[in-house]
């Protein structure tokens, strides 16, 4: 007797495919490079077309590690370069007709002094930013200066290049001051209260996520069992019910295994493959292999059951 897939079975598989294929990673692609890397030359050419020194930025060192990051997968992805060192830099570019165009730059200088913050004792710093595109409400086409520290000569408003440049010259030759004692560990009832509230909210959120996945698992199990029982009832065949059950289990295990296999292959190869199509590929291959394995298993146990039944019948005769 040939086995036919029911509408409920196809519907269940479609829901599983959509659920698993939708779980894709949209994280940025990162790569560590050096300034002589050919991939950086178009970006350096874009920097040459901008008078950065006139804006107040300093020259870029040629011997610092650089992290290149690609963000977004739309029509205009953002290329971001992180330059380590002192000063550190964060420079962004977008694709243009003649290569790339400079979008924004952030330069952070660390001074010799220290400042106490809620997260501990950190070096005083001076941030310089310039944006040509509006991002998070930041002012465009204007140099933004921000000082974090205890130097009264830099705690003025507005902070200008005329005030900043002499301080940067002093910082260039000044040794780093001894790090003061960190007083951020002092007991604070208010901070303790806020931490407790945060922990309670985090626990509620984790409990909600756990209950969601438990409910999803129960729904999948109930769907598989009910579909198998329904097929067996409509076809008046326990065998067809078990065949449906094994096919559904094969599909579930196959799709889950396909996702795990793609994740493992991506982790072993260290290739920055972040396209959502990798998950669709893993789910599809896993579905095909899972259904194939379940079909073979159904054939084997059906033949074995017929063989056992035939032997019992012959012994009874």
C-alpha atoms as a PDB file:
ATOM      1  CA  UNK A   1       0.000   0.000   0.000  1.00  0.00           C
ATOM      2  CA  UNK A   2       1.480   3.388  -1.013  1.00  0.00           C
ATOM      3  CA  UNK A   3       1.776   6.057   1.629  1.00  0.00           C
ATOM      4  CA  UNK A   4       0.470   9.564   0.820  1.00  0.00           C
ATOM      5  CA  UNK A   5       1.350  12.718   2.728  1.00  0.00           C
ATOM      6  CA  UNK A   6      -1.674  14.401   4.257  1.00  0.00           C
ATOM      7  CA  UNK A   7      -2.385  18.119   4.248  1.00  0.00           C
ATOM      8  CA  UNK A   8      -1.655  18.302   7.973  1.00  0.00           C
ATOM      9  CA  UNK A   9       1.756  16.718   7.455  1.00  0.00           C
ATOM     10  CA  UNK A  10       2.700  19.218   4.735  1.00  0.00           C
ATOM     11  CA  UNK A  11       1.387  22.102   6.845  1.00  0.00           C
ATOM     12  CA  UNK A  12       3.458  20.967   9.830  1.00  0.00           C
ATOM     13  CA  UNK A  13       6.619  20.748   7.718  1.00  0.00           C
ATOM     14  CA  UNK A  14       5.993  24.200   6.247  1.00  0.00           C
ATOM     15  CA  UNK A  15       5.700  25.734   9.711  1.00  0.00           C
ATOM     16  CA  UNK A  16       8.912  24.044  10.834  1.00  0.00           C
ATOM     17  CA  UNK A  17      10.789  25.260   7.750  1.00  0.00           C
ATOM     18  CA  UNK A  18       9.643  28.839   8.320  1.00  0.00           C
ATOM     19  CA  UNK A  19      10.534  28.718  12.013  1.00  0.00           C
ATOM     20  CA  UNK A  20      14.035  27.342  11.509  1.00  0.00           C
ATOM     21  CA  UNK A  21      14.857  29.305   8.351  1.00  0.00           C
ATOM     22  CA  UNK A  22      13.907  32.528  10.099  1.00  0.00           C
ATOM     23  CA  UNK A  23      16.590  32.084  12.776  1.00  0.00           C
ATOM     24  CA  UNK A  24      19.486  33.691  10.923  1.00  0.00           C
ATOM     25  CA  UNK A  25      22.360  35.812  12.093  1.00  0.00           C
ATOM     26  CA  UNK A  26      22.567  39.444  11.020  1.00  0.00           C
ATOM     27  CA  UNK A  27      25.800  40.214  12.825  1.00  0.00           C
ATOM     28  CA  UNK A  28      28.587  42.226  11.206  1.00  0.00           C
ATOM     29  CA  UNK A  29      31.548  40.682   9.384  1.00  0.00           C
ATOM     30  CA  UNK A  30      34.907  41.411  11.050  1.00  0.00           C
ATOM     31  CA  UNK A  31      38.474  40.937   9.859  1.00  0.00           C
ATOM     32  CA  UNK A  32      41.864  41.956  11.319  1.00  0.00           C
ATOM     33  CA  UNK A  33      44.081  43.662   8.722  1.00  0.00           C
ATOM     34  CA  UNK A  34      47.197  45.825   8.478  1.00  0.00           C
ATOM     35  CA  UNK A  35      47.471  49.169   6.750  1.00  0.00           C
ATOM     36  CA  UNK A  36      49.419  47.658   3.839  1.00  0.00           C
ATOM     37  CA  UNK A  37      46.621  45.191   3.066  1.00  0.00           C
ATOM     38  CA  UNK A  38      45.369  45.690  -0.527  1.00  0.00           C
ATOM     39  CA  UNK A  39      41.778  45.609   0.745  1.00  0.00           C
ATOM     40  CA  UNK A  40      42.421  48.860   2.630  1.00  0.00           C
ATOM     41  CA  UNK A  41      43.788  50.849  -0.287  1.00  0.00           C
ATOM     42  CA  UNK A  42      40.379  52.076  -1.585  1.00  0.00           C
ATOM     43  CA  UNK A  43      39.541  53.312   1.912  1.00  0.00           C
ATOM     44  CA  UNK A  44      42.909  55.064   2.278  1.00  0.00           C
ATOM     45  CA  UNK A  45      42.308  56.708  -1.099  1.00  0.00           C
ATOM     46  CA  UNK A  46      38.980  57.983   0.212  1.00  0.00           C
ATOM     47  CA  UNK A  47      40.780  59.443   3.258  1.00  0.00           C
ATOM     48  CA  UNK A  48      43.236  61.234   0.972  1.00  0.00           C
ATOM     49  CA  UNK A  49      40.301  63.104  -0.568  1.00  0.00           C
ATOM     50  CA  UNK A  50      39.379  64.566   2.846  1.00  0.00           C
ATOM     51  CA  UNK A  51      41.372  67.325   4.576  1.00  0.00           C
ATOM     52  CA  UNK A  52      41.289  65.604   7.959  1.00  0.00           C
ATOM     53  CA  UNK A  53      44.072  67.727   9.440  1.00  0.00           C
ATOM     54  CA  UNK A  54      42.082  70.906   8.790  1.00  0.00           C
ATOM     55  CA  UNK A  55      39.159  69.373  10.669  1.00  0.00           C
ATOM     56  CA  UNK A  56      41.394  68.719  13.689  1.00  0.00           C
ATOM     57  CA  UNK A  57      42.189  65.017  13.290  1.00  0.00           C
ATOM     58  CA  UNK A  58      45.761  63.726  13.560  1.00  0.00           C
ATOM     59  CA  UNK A  59      47.809  61.625  11.161  1.00  0.00           C
ATOM     60  CA  UNK A  60      47.147  57.878  11.093  1.00  0.00           C
ATOM     61  CA  UNK A  61      49.949  55.627  12.340  1.00  0.00           C
ATOM     62  CA  UNK A  62      51.078  52.876   9.968  1.00  0.00           C
ATOM     63  CA  UNK A  63      51.929  50.265  12.625  1.00  0.00           C
ATOM     64  CA  UNK A  64      48.688  49.771  14.552  1.00  0.00           C
ATOM     65  CA  UNK A  65      46.265  46.821  14.289  1.00  0.00           C
ATOM     66  CA  UNK A  66      43.128  47.552  12.268  1.00  0.00           C
ATOM     67  CA  UNK A  67      39.773  45.798  12.457  1.00  0.00           C
ATOM     68  CA  UNK A  68      37.638  46.043   9.321  1.00  0.00           C
ATOM     69  CA  UNK A  69      33.925  45.529   9.878  1.00  0.00           C
ATOM     70  CA  UNK A  70      31.032  45.436   7.397  1.00  0.00           C
ATOM     71  CA  UNK A  71      27.632  46.338   8.809  1.00  0.00           C
ATOM     72  CA  UNK A  72      24.254  45.950   7.126  1.00  0.00           C
ATOM     73  CA  UNK A  73      23.232  44.013   4.016  1.00  0.00           C
ATOM     74  CA  UNK A  74      21.053  46.576   2.288  1.00  0.00           C
ATOM     75  CA  UNK A  75      21.833  48.629  -0.765  1.00  0.00           C
ATOM     76  CA  UNK A  76      24.354  50.737   1.181  1.00  0.00           C
ATOM     77  CA  UNK A  77      26.335  48.675   3.699  1.00  0.00           C
ATOM     78  CA  UNK A  78      28.652  50.510   6.085  1.00  0.00           C
ATOM     79  CA  UNK A  79      32.388  49.764   6.172  1.00  0.00           C
ATOM     80  CA  UNK A  80      33.928  50.560   9.548  1.00  0.00           C
ATOM     81  CA  UNK A  81      37.670  50.639  10.349  1.00  0.00           C
ATOM     82  CA  UNK A  82      38.835  50.431  13.970  1.00  0.00           C
ATOM     83  CA  UNK A  83      42.409  51.668  14.549  1.00  0.00           C
ATOM     84  CA  UNK A  84      43.921  50.647  17.893  1.00  0.00           C
ATOM     85  CA  UNK A  85      46.489  52.656  19.799  1.00  0.00           C
ATOM     86  CA  UNK A  86      46.523  56.135  21.290  1.00  0.00           C
ATOM     87  CA  UNK A  87      44.730  57.824  19.715  1.00  0.00           C
ATOM     88  CA  UNK A  88      42.276  55.148  18.662  1.00  0.00           C
ATOM     89  CA  UNK A  89      40.029  55.737  15.659  1.00  0.00           C
ATOM     90  CA  UNK A  90      36.699  54.654  14.284  1.00  0.00           C
ATOM     91  CA  UNK A  91      36.290  55.640  10.624  1.00  0.00           C
ATOM     92  CA  UNK A  92      33.230  54.792   8.500  1.00  0.00           C
ATOM     93  CA  UNK A  93      32.804  54.617   4.719  1.00  0.00           C
ATOM     94  CA  UNK A  94      30.096  53.915   2.176  1.00  0.00           C
ATOM     95  CA  UNK A  95      30.334  52.731  -1.408  1.00  0.00           C
ATOM     96  CA  UNK A  96      30.452  55.462  -4.066  1.00  0.00           C
ATOM     97  CA  UNK A  97      30.760  55.690  -7.823  1.00  0.00           C
ATOM     98  CA  UNK A  98      34.549  56.119  -7.722  1.00  0.00           C
ATOM     99  CA  UNK A  99      35.236  53.748  -4.827  1.00  0.00           C
ATOM    100  CA  UNK A 100      34.329  54.712  -1.274  1.00  0.00           C
ATOM    101  CA  UNK A 101      33.376  57.940   0.471  1.00  0.00           C
ATOM    102  CA  UNK A 102      34.307  59.055   3.975  1.00  0.00           C
ATOM    103  CA  UNK A 103      31.177  59.163   6.153  1.00  0.00           C
ATOM    104  CA  UNK A 104      32.357  59.775   9.706  1.00  0.00           C
ATOM    105  CA  UNK A 105      35.354  59.622  11.991  1.00  0.00           C
ATOM    106  CA  UNK A 106      35.889  59.359  15.725  1.00  0.00           C
ATOM    107  CA  UNK A 107      39.300  59.912  17.302  1.00  0.00           C
ATOM    108  CA  UNK A 108      39.872  59.227  21.011  1.00  0.00           C
ATOM    109  CA  UNK A 109      42.985  60.521  22.809  1.00  0.00           C
ATOM    110  CA  UNK A 110      43.899  59.183  26.241  1.00  0.00           C
ATOM    111  CA  UNK A 111      45.575  61.637  28.581  1.00  0.00           C
ATOM    112  CA  UNK A 112      48.018  61.060  31.431  1.00  0.00           C
ATOM    113  CA  UNK A 113      45.423  61.656  34.154  1.00  0.00           C
ATOM    114  CA  UNK A 114      42.748  59.404  35.620  1.00  0.00           C
ATOM    115  CA  UNK A 115      39.071  59.753  36.427  1.00  0.00           C
ATOM    116  CA  UNK A 116      36.791  57.831  38.772  1.00  0.00           C
ATOM    117  CA  UNK A 117      33.666  56.458  37.080  1.00  0.00           C
ATOM    118  CA  UNK A 118      30.913  54.057  38.078  1.00  0.00           C
ATOM    119  CA  UNK A 119      32.812  51.285  36.272  1.00  0.00           C
ATOM    120  CA  UNK A 120      36.156  52.009  37.918  1.00  0.00           C
ATOM    121  CA  UNK A 121      39.189  54.227  37.396  1.00  0.00           C
ATOM    122  CA  UNK A 122      39.883  55.026  33.723  1.00  0.00           C
ATOM    123  CA  UNK A 123      42.227  57.319  31.824  1.00  0.00           C
ATOM    124  CA  UNK A 124      41.033  60.811  31.046  1.00  0.00           C
ATOM    125  CA  UNK A 125      40.066  61.094  27.383  1.00  0.00           C
ATOM    126  CA  UNK A 126      39.240  63.533  24.650  1.00  0.00           C
ATOM    127  CA  UNK A 127      36.893  62.469  21.857  1.00  0.00           C
ATOM    128  CA  UNK A 128      36.726  64.149  18.455  1.00  0.00           C
ATOM    129  CA  UNK A 129      33.906  63.275  16.060  1.00  0.00           C
ATOM    130  CA  UNK A 130      32.773  64.435  12.650  1.00  0.00           C
ATOM    131  CA  UNK A 131      29.737  63.017  10.813  1.00  0.00           C
ATOM    132  CA  UNK A 132      28.495  63.682   7.291  1.00  0.00           C
ATOM    133  CA  UNK A 133      25.370  61.564   7.808  1.00  0.00           C
ATOM    134  CA  UNK A 134      22.804  61.837  10.594  1.00  0.00           C
ATOM    135  CA  UNK A 135      23.134  58.911  12.995  1.00  0.00           C
ATOM    136  CA  UNK A 136      21.217  58.674  16.271  1.00  0.00           C
ATOM    137  CA  UNK A 137      20.515  62.401  16.162  1.00  0.00           C
ATOM    138  CA  UNK A 138      24.212  63.414  16.033  1.00  0.00           C
ATOM    139  CA  UNK A 139      24.983  66.833  14.554  1.00  0.00           C
ATOM    140  CA  UNK A 140      26.377  66.619  10.998  1.00  0.00           C
ATOM    141  CA  UNK A 141      29.171  68.544   9.265  1.00  0.00           C
ATOM    142  CA  UNK A 142      30.487  69.923  12.548  1.00  0.00           C
ATOM    143  CA  UNK A 143      33.389  68.827  14.731  1.00  0.00           C
ATOM    144  CA  UNK A 144      32.178  67.500  18.085  1.00  0.00           C
ATOM    145  CA  UNK A 145      34.588  67.625  21.047  1.00  0.00           C
ATOM    146  CA  UNK A 146      33.995  65.805  24.339  1.00  0.00           C
ATOM    147  CA  UNK A 147      36.361  65.715  27.309  1.00  0.00           C
ATOM    148  CA  UNK A 148      36.131  63.210  30.187  1.00  0.00           C
ATOM    149  CA  UNK A 149      38.482  64.004  33.023  1.00  0.00           C
ATOM    150  CA  UNK A 150      39.402  66.486  35.713  1.00  0.00           C
ATOM    151  CA  UNK A 151      41.454  69.077  33.822  1.00  0.00           C
ATOM    152  CA  UNK A 152      39.742  72.468  34.446  1.00  0.00           C
ATOM    153  CA  UNK A 153      41.267  73.952  31.268  1.00  0.00           C
ATOM    154  CA  UNK A 154      39.271  71.430  29.206  1.00  0.00           C
ATOM    155  CA  UNK A 155      36.045  71.652  31.202  1.00  0.00           C
ATOM    156  CA  UNK A 156      34.801  74.661  29.267  1.00  0.00           C
ATOM    157  CA  UNK A 157      31.742  75.169  27.088  1.00  0.00           C
ATOM    158  CA  UNK A 158      32.009  75.349  24.175  1.00  0.00           C
ATOM    159  CA  UNK A 159      35.121  73.222  23.803  1.00  0.00           C
ATOM    160  CA  UNK A 160      37.079  74.320  20.723  1.00  0.00           C
ATOM    161  CA  UNK A 161      40.191  73.232  18.835  1.00  0.00           C
ATOM    162  CA  UNK A 162      42.010  76.294  20.138  1.00  0.00           C
ATOM    163  CA  UNK A 163      41.580  74.914  23.658  1.00  0.00           C
ATOM    164  CA  UNK A 164      42.109  71.252  22.782  1.00  0.00           C
ATOM    165  CA  UNK A 165      45.284  71.398  20.676  1.00  0.00           C
ATOM    166  CA  UNK A 166      47.573  72.794  23.425  1.00  0.00           C
ATOM    167  CA  UNK A 167      46.297  70.069  25.777  1.00  0.00           C
ATOM    168  CA  UNK A 168      47.018  67.353  23.205  1.00  0.00           C
ATOM    169  CA  UNK A 169      50.547  68.715  22.820  1.00  0.00           C
ATOM    170  CA  UNK A 170      51.030  68.470  26.596  1.00  0.00           C
ATOM    171  CA  UNK A 171      49.652  64.938  26.633  1.00  0.00           C
ATOM    172  CA  UNK A 172      52.028  63.804  23.853  1.00  0.00           C
ATOM    173  CA  UNK A 173      55.118  64.096  26.046  1.00  0.00           C
ATOM    174  CA  UNK A 174      53.614  63.578  29.479  1.00  0.00           C
ATOM    175  CA  UNK A 175      54.093  60.284  31.373  1.00  0.00           C
ATOM    176  CA  UNK A 176      51.012  58.475  32.621  1.00  0.00           C
ATOM    177  CA  UNK A 177      50.222  59.391  36.219  1.00  0.00           C
ATOM    178  CA  UNK A 178      50.053  56.659  38.874  1.00  0.00           C
ATOM    179  CA  UNK A 179      46.649  55.018  38.928  1.00  0.00           C
ATOM    180  CA  UNK A 180      44.658  56.119  41.991  1.00  0.00           C
ATOM    181  CA  UNK A 181      42.722  53.813  44.264  1.00  0.00           C
ATOM    182  CA  UNK A 182      39.422  52.628  42.820  1.00  0.00           C
ATOM    183  CA  UNK A 183      36.561  53.726  45.077  1.00  0.00           C
ATOM    184  CA  UNK A 184      33.761  52.419  42.880  1.00  0.00           C
ATOM    185  CA  UNK A 185      33.460  49.281  45.065  1.00  0.00           C
ATOM    186  CA  UNK A 186      32.180  51.289  48.029  1.00  0.00           C
ATOM    187  CA  UNK A 187      28.793  50.083  49.242  1.00  0.00           C
ATOM    188  CA  UNK A 188      25.871  52.031  47.786  1.00  0.00           C
ATOM    189  CA  UNK A 189      22.307  51.166  48.897  1.00  0.00           C
ATOM    190  CA  UNK A 190      20.856  52.795  45.800  1.00  0.00           C
ATOM    191  CA  UNK A 191      23.132  50.818  43.491  1.00  0.00           C
ATOM    192  CA  UNK A 192      22.308  47.608  45.376  1.00  0.00           C
ATOM    193  CA  UNK A 193      18.574  48.285  45.037  1.00  0.00           C
ATOM    194  CA  UNK A 194      18.877  48.942  41.295  1.00  0.00           C
ATOM    195  CA  UNK A 195      20.975  45.784  40.880  1.00  0.00           C
ATOM    196  CA  UNK A 196      18.312  43.709  42.637  1.00  0.00           C
ATOM    197  CA  UNK A 197      15.613  45.157  40.398  1.00  0.00           C
ATOM    198  CA  UNK A 198      17.734  44.367  37.360  1.00  0.00           C
ATOM    199  CA  UNK A 199      18.262  40.783  38.504  1.00  0.00           C
ATOM    200  CA  UNK A 200      14.527  40.329  39.108  1.00  0.00           C
ATOM    201  CA  UNK A 201      13.678  41.689  35.651  1.00  0.00           C
ATOM    202  CA  UNK A 202      16.358  39.492  34.078  1.00  0.00           C
ATOM    203  CA  UNK A 203      14.952  36.432  35.876  1.00  0.00           C
ATOM    204  CA  UNK A 204      11.431  37.237  34.662  1.00  0.00           C
ATOM    205  CA  UNK A 205      12.689  37.631  31.097  1.00  0.00           C
ATOM    206  CA  UNK A 206      14.613  34.323  31.211  1.00  0.00           C
ATOM    207  CA  UNK A 207      11.579  32.570  32.684  1.00  0.00           C
ATOM    208  CA  UNK A 208       9.407  33.962  29.899  1.00  0.00           C
ATOM    209  CA  UNK A 209      11.850  32.732  27.248  1.00  0.00           C
ATOM    210  CA  UNK A 210      12.020  29.298  28.897  1.00  0.00           C
ATOM    211  CA  UNK A 211       8.215  29.028  29.040  1.00  0.00           C
ATOM    212  CA  UNK A 212       7.993  30.057  25.392  1.00  0.00           C
ATOM    213  CA  UNK A 213      10.350  27.316  24.253  1.00  0.00           C
ATOM    214  CA  UNK A 214       8.631  24.768  26.486  1.00  0.00           C
ATOM    215  CA  UNK A 215       5.263  25.725  24.990  1.00  0.00           C
ATOM    216  CA  UNK A 216       6.762  25.539  21.496  1.00  0.00           C
ATOM    217  CA  UNK A 217       8.168  22.071  22.183  1.00  0.00           C
ATOM    218  CA  UNK A 218       4.857  20.844  23.591  1.00  0.00           C
ATOM    219  CA  UNK A 219       3.019  22.266  20.583  1.00  0.00           C
ATOM    220  CA  UNK A 220       5.377  20.486  18.172  1.00  0.00           C
ATOM    221  CA  UNK A 221       5.046  17.169  20.043  1.00  0.00           C
ATOM    222  CA  UNK A 222       1.259  17.435  20.177  1.00  0.00           C
ATOM    223  CA  UNK A 223       1.182  18.358  16.488  1.00  0.00           C
ATOM    224  CA  UNK A 224       3.313  15.365  15.492  1.00  0.00           C
ATOM    225  CA  UNK A 225       1.329  12.888  17.575  1.00  0.00           C
ATOM    226  CA  UNK A 226      -2.081  14.263  16.579  1.00  0.00           C
ATOM    227  CA  UNK A 227      -1.154  14.260  12.896  1.00  0.00           C
ATOM    228  CA  UNK A 228       0.031  10.641  13.131  1.00  0.00           C
ATOM    229  CA  UNK A 229      -3.130   9.558  14.964  1.00  0.00           C
ATOM    230  CA  UNK A 230      -5.324  11.426  12.474  1.00  0.00           C
ATOM    231  CA  UNK A 231      -3.627   9.756   9.496  1.00  0.00           C
ATOM    232  CA  UNK A 232      -3.995   6.333  11.092  1.00  0.00           C
ATOM    233  CA  UNK A 233      -7.655   6.993  11.874  1.00  0.00           C
ATOM    234  CA  UNK A 234      -8.571   8.343   8.429  1.00  0.00           C
ATOM    235  CA  UNK A 235      -6.786   5.523   6.615  1.00  0.00           C
ATOM    236  CA  UNK A 236      -7.905   2.955   9.195  1.00  0.00           C
ATOM    237  CA  UNK A 237      -4.342   1.733   9.413  1.00  0.00           C
ATOM    238  CA  UNK A 238      -2.058   1.693  12.447  1.00  0.00           C
ATOM    239  CA  UNK A 239       0.846   1.109  10.079  1.00  0.00           C
ATOM    240  CA  UNK A 240       0.199   4.352   8.191  1.00  0.00           C
ATOM    241  CA  UNK A 241      -0.054   6.191  11.505  1.00  0.00           C
ATOM    242  CA  UNK A 242       3.390   4.937  12.540  1.00  0.00           C
ATOM    243  CA  UNK A 243       4.783   5.771   9.092  1.00  0.00           C
ATOM    244  CA  UNK A 244       3.546   9.354   9.463  1.00  0.00           C
ATOM    245  CA  UNK A 245       5.057   9.540  12.947  1.00  0.00           C
ATOM    246  CA  UNK A 246       8.476   8.385  11.752  1.00  0.00           C
ATOM    247  CA  UNK A 247       8.396  10.746   8.760  1.00  0.00           C
ATOM    248  CA  UNK A 248       7.584  13.706  10.994  1.00  0.00           C
ATOM    249  CA  UNK A 249      10.313  12.731  13.461  1.00  0.00           C
ATOM    250  CA  UNK A 250      12.761  12.324  10.596  1.00  0.00           C
ATOM    251  CA  UNK A 251      11.873  15.784   9.298  1.00  0.00           C
ATOM    252  CA  UNK A 252      12.289  17.365  12.740  1.00  0.00           C
ATOM    253  CA  UNK A 253      15.594  15.658  13.514  1.00  0.00           C
ATOM    254  CA  UNK A 254      16.871  16.263   9.985  1.00  0.00           C
ATOM    255  CA  UNK A 255      16.160  20.000  10.014  1.00  0.00           C
ATOM    256  CA  UNK A 256      17.658  20.409  13.472  1.00  0.00           C
ATOM    257  CA  UNK A 257      20.698  18.390  12.426  1.00  0.00           C
ATOM    258  CA  UNK A 258      21.054  20.473   9.267  1.00  0.00           C
ATOM    259  CA  UNK A 259      21.159  23.697  11.270  1.00  0.00           C
ATOM    260  CA  UNK A 260      23.725  22.219  13.670  1.00  0.00           C
ATOM    261  CA  UNK A 261      25.831  20.915  10.772  1.00  0.00           C
ATOM    262  CA  UNK A 262      25.894  24.341   9.077  1.00  0.00           C
ATOM    263  CA  UNK A 263      26.835  26.024  12.370  1.00  0.00           C
ATOM    264  CA  UNK A 264      29.593  23.486  13.010  1.00  0.00           C
ATOM    265  CA  UNK A 265      30.971  23.802   9.472  1.00  0.00           C
ATOM    266  CA  UNK A 266      30.976  27.607   9.759  1.00  0.00           C
ATOM    267  CA  UNK A 267      32.781  27.426  13.110  1.00  0.00           C
ATOM    268  CA  UNK A 268      35.404  24.922  11.896  1.00  0.00           C
ATOM    269  CA  UNK A 269      36.120  26.710   8.601  1.00  0.00           C
ATOM    270  CA  UNK A 270      36.300  30.160  10.293  1.00  0.00           C
ATOM    271  CA  UNK A 271      34.730  31.613   7.151  1.00  0.00           C
ATOM    272  CA  UNK A 272      32.608  34.742   7.878  1.00  0.00           C
ATOM    273  CA  UNK A 273      29.484  33.372   6.150  1.00  0.00           C
ATOM    274  CA  UNK A 274      26.596  35.392   7.617  1.00  0.00           C
ATOM    275  CA  UNK A 275      24.058  35.125   4.803  1.00  0.00           C
ATOM    276  CA  UNK A 276      20.631  33.845   5.937  1.00  0.00           C
ATOM    277  CA  UNK A 277      20.695  31.452   2.955  1.00  0.00           C
ATOM    278  CA  UNK A 278      23.087  29.203   4.894  1.00  0.00           C
ATOM    279  CA  UNK A 279      20.295  28.398   7.357  1.00  0.00           C
ATOM    280  CA  UNK A 280      17.833  27.738   4.545  1.00  0.00           C
ATOM    281  CA  UNK A 281      20.409  25.442   2.942  1.00  0.00           C
ATOM    282  CA  UNK A 282      20.956  23.579   6.215  1.00  0.00           C
ATOM    283  CA  UNK A 283      17.219  23.208   6.876  1.00  0.00           C
ATOM    284  CA  UNK A 284      16.536  22.026   3.311  1.00  0.00           C
ATOM    285  CA  UNK A 285      19.353  19.471   3.226  1.00  0.00           C
ATOM    286  CA  UNK A 286      18.448  18.259   6.707  1.00  0.00           C
ATOM    287  CA  UNK A 287      14.798  17.935   5.711  1.00  0.00           C
ATOM    288  CA  UNK A 288      15.646  15.897   2.611  1.00  0.00           C
ATOM    289  CA  UNK A 289      18.062  13.624   4.474  1.00  0.00           C
ATOM    290  CA  UNK A 290      15.705  13.252   7.436  1.00  0.00           C
ATOM    291  CA  UNK A 291      12.763  12.313   5.223  1.00  0.00           C
ATOM    292  CA  UNK A 292      14.973   9.936   3.249  1.00  0.00           C
ATOM    293  CA  UNK A 293      16.195   8.210   6.406  1.00  0.00           C
ATOM    294  CA  UNK A 294      12.631   7.970   7.752  1.00  0.00           C
ATOM    295  CA  UNK A 295      11.391   6.540   4.423  1.00  0.00           C
ATOM    296  CA  UNK A 296      14.128   3.879   4.460  1.00  0.00           C
ATOM    297  CA  UNK A 297      13.350   3.089   8.107  1.00  0.00           C
ATOM    298  CA  UNK A 298       9.642   2.718   7.251  1.00  0.00           C
ATOM    299  CA  UNK A 299      10.483   0.328   4.428  1.00  0.00           C
ATOM    300  CA  UNK A 300      12.742  -1.766   6.655  1.00  0.00           C
ATOM    301  CA  UNK A 301      10.393  -2.131   9.610  1.00  0.00           C
ATOM    302  CA  UNK A 302       7.415  -2.748   7.308  1.00  0.00           C
ATOM    303  CA  UNK A 303       9.237  -5.586   5.572  1.00  0.00           C
ATOM    304  CA  UNK A 304      10.441  -6.938   8.924  1.00  0.00           C
ATOM    305  CA  UNK A 305       6.887  -6.854  10.309  1.00  0.00           C
ATOM    306  CA  UNK A 306       5.582  -8.685   7.238  1.00  0.00           C
ATOM    307  CA  UNK A 307       8.356 -11.272   7.522  1.00  0.00           C
ATOM    308  CA  UNK A 308       7.617 -11.906  11.214  1.00  0.00           C
ATOM    309  CA  UNK A 309       3.879 -12.102  10.541  1.00  0.00           C
ATOM    310  CA  UNK A 310       4.474 -14.572   7.706  1.00  0.00           C
ATOM    311  CA  UNK A 311       6.633 -16.812   9.909  1.00  0.00           C
ATOM    312  CA  UNK A 312       4.038 -16.758  12.703  1.00  0.00           C
ATOM    313  CA  UNK A 313       1.330 -17.653  10.221  1.00  0.00           C
ATOM    314  CA  UNK A 314       3.348 -20.594   8.851  1.00  0.00           C
ATOM    315  CA  UNK A 315       4.048 -21.950  12.344  1.00  0.00           C
ATOM    316  CA  UNK A 316       0.372 -21.719  13.227  1.00  0.00           C
ATOM    317  CA  UNK A 317      -0.563 -23.619  10.088  1.00  0.00           C
END
